[in-house]
Amino acid sequence: MIKSGIGIALLATFVGLSGCATKAETIGTAGGMAAGAAVSNGGMMGTLGGAMLGYGAGRAYEDKHR
């Protein structure tokens, strides 16, 4: 029950972020979230940490390729 609630919260966050983020930031966030979930075996902190790192990588990519 708790994991499904976390999943719904993450999905809602991702949908909200996709409305105001660039394509590179959105792809970085999704990739980071998937990698963080895989590394942490579905743990919340690993998933969120991966999403934050992915967002940062997407933002850096976007800044570099403007």
C-alpha atoms as a PDB file:
ATOM      1  CA  MET A   1       0.000   0.000   0.000  1.00  0.00           C
ATOM      2  CA  ILE A   2       2.734   2.463   0.889  1.00  0.00           C
ATOM      3  CA  LYS A   3       4.757   1.698  -2.258  1.00  0.00           C
ATOM      4  CA  SER A   4       1.717   2.294  -4.474  1.00  0.00           C
ATOM      5  CA  GLY A   5       1.158   5.644  -2.736  1.00  0.00           C
ATOM      6  CA  ILE A   6       4.784   6.585  -3.312  1.00  0.00           C
ATOM      7  CA  GLY A   7       4.476   5.558  -6.947  1.00  0.00           C
ATOM      8  CA  ILE A   8       1.406   7.739  -7.403  1.00  0.00           C
ATOM      9  CA  ALA A   9       3.173  10.676  -5.753  1.00  0.00           C
ATOM     10  CA  LEU A  10       6.227  10.230  -7.980  1.00  0.00           C
ATOM     11  CA  LEU A  11       4.076  10.009 -11.083  1.00  0.00           C
ATOM     12  CA  ALA A  12       2.213  13.175 -10.109  1.00  0.00           C
ATOM     13  CA  THR A  13       5.530  14.947  -9.506  1.00  0.00           C
ATOM     14  CA  PHE A  14       6.851  13.794 -12.864  1.00  0.00           C
ATOM     15  CA  VAL A  15       3.716  14.960 -14.682  1.00  0.00           C
ATOM     16  CA  GLY A  16       3.936  18.342 -12.955  1.00  0.00           C
ATOM     17  CA  LEU A  17       7.618  18.666 -13.791  1.00  0.00           C
ATOM     18  CA  SER A  18       7.054  17.790 -17.434  1.00  0.00           C
ATOM     19  CA  GLY A  19       4.807  20.823 -17.795  1.00  0.00           C
ATOM     20  CA  CYS A  20       7.542  23.332 -16.999  1.00  0.00           C
ATOM     21  CA  ALA A  21      10.772  21.491 -17.836  1.00  0.00           C
ATOM     22  CA  THR A  22      12.561  21.237 -21.144  1.00  0.00           C
ATOM     23  CA  LYS A  23      12.703  17.962 -23.045  1.00  0.00           C
ATOM     24  CA  ALA A  24      16.262  17.258 -21.880  1.00  0.00           C
ATOM     25  CA  GLU A  25      15.345  17.893 -18.234  1.00  0.00           C
ATOM     26  CA  THR A  26      12.286  15.650 -18.483  1.00  0.00           C
ATOM     27  CA  ILE A  27      14.233  12.808 -20.118  1.00  0.00           C
ATOM     28  CA  GLY A  28      17.031  13.202 -17.572  1.00  0.00           C
ATOM     29  CA  THR A  29      14.540  13.068 -14.713  1.00  0.00           C
ATOM     30  CA  ALA A  30      12.830   9.949 -16.053  1.00  0.00           C
ATOM     31  CA  GLY A  31      16.135   8.205 -16.736  1.00  0.00           C
ATOM     32  CA  GLY A  32      17.533   9.160 -13.352  1.00  0.00           C
ATOM     33  CA  MET A  33      14.375   8.011 -11.622  1.00  0.00           C
ATOM     34  CA  ALA A  34      14.520   4.622 -13.358  1.00  0.00           C
ATOM     35  CA  ALA A  35      18.224   4.198 -12.599  1.00  0.00           C
ATOM     36  CA  GLY A  36      17.782   5.251  -8.969  1.00  0.00           C
ATOM     37  CA  ALA A  37      14.892   2.828  -8.505  1.00  0.00           C
ATOM     38  CA  ALA A  38      16.926  -0.005 -10.021  1.00  0.00           C
ATOM     39  CA  VAL A  39      19.999   0.693  -7.893  1.00  0.00           C
ATOM     40  CA  SER A  40      18.074   1.099  -4.635  1.00  0.00           C
ATOM     41  CA  ASN A  41      15.773  -1.864  -5.300  1.00  0.00           C
ATOM     42  CA  GLY A  42      12.722   0.395  -5.449  1.00  0.00           C
ATOM     43  CA  GLY A  43      13.653   2.529  -2.449  1.00  0.00           C
ATOM     44  CA  MET A  44      12.135   5.971  -2.218  1.00  0.00           C
ATOM     45  CA  MET A  45      15.347   7.863  -1.445  1.00  0.00           C
ATOM     46  CA  GLY A  46      17.269   6.187  -4.260  1.00  0.00           C
ATOM     47  CA  THR A  47      14.484   6.900  -6.727  1.00  0.00           C
ATOM     48  CA  LEU A  48      14.198  10.562  -5.734  1.00  0.00           C
ATOM     49  CA  GLY A  49      17.978  10.954  -5.637  1.00  0.00           C
ATOM     50  CA  GLY A  50      18.260   9.489  -9.120  1.00  0.00           C
ATOM     51  CA  ALA A  51      15.547  11.818 -10.353  1.00  0.00           C
ATOM     52  CA  MET A  52      17.369  14.837  -8.934  1.00  0.00           C
ATOM     53  CA  LEU A  53      20.674  13.775 -10.495  1.00  0.00           C
ATOM     54  CA  GLY A  54      18.964  13.102 -13.815  1.00  0.00           C
ATOM     55  CA  TYR A  55      17.260  16.496 -13.754  1.00  0.00           C
ATOM     56  CA  GLY A  56      20.602  18.179 -13.080  1.00  0.00           C
ATOM     57  CA  ALA A  57      22.231  16.270 -15.928  1.00  0.00           C
ATOM     58  CA  GLY A  58      19.407  17.226 -18.285  1.00  0.00           C
ATOM     59  CA  ARG A  59      19.675  20.855 -17.264  1.00  0.00           C
ATOM     60  CA  ALA A  60      23.444  20.856 -17.809  1.00  0.00           C
ATOM     61  CA  TYR A  61      22.937  19.259 -21.223  1.00  0.00           C
ATOM     62  CA  GLU A  62      20.356  21.881 -22.139  1.00  0.00           C
ATOM     63  CA  ASP A  63      22.617  24.749 -21.032  1.00  0.00           C
ATOM     64  CA  LYS A  64      25.555  23.334 -22.983  1.00  0.00           C
ATOM     65  CA  HIS A  65      23.626  22.791 -26.221  1.00  0.00           C
ATOM     66  CA  ARG A  66      21.654  26.020 -26.501  1.00  0.00           C
END
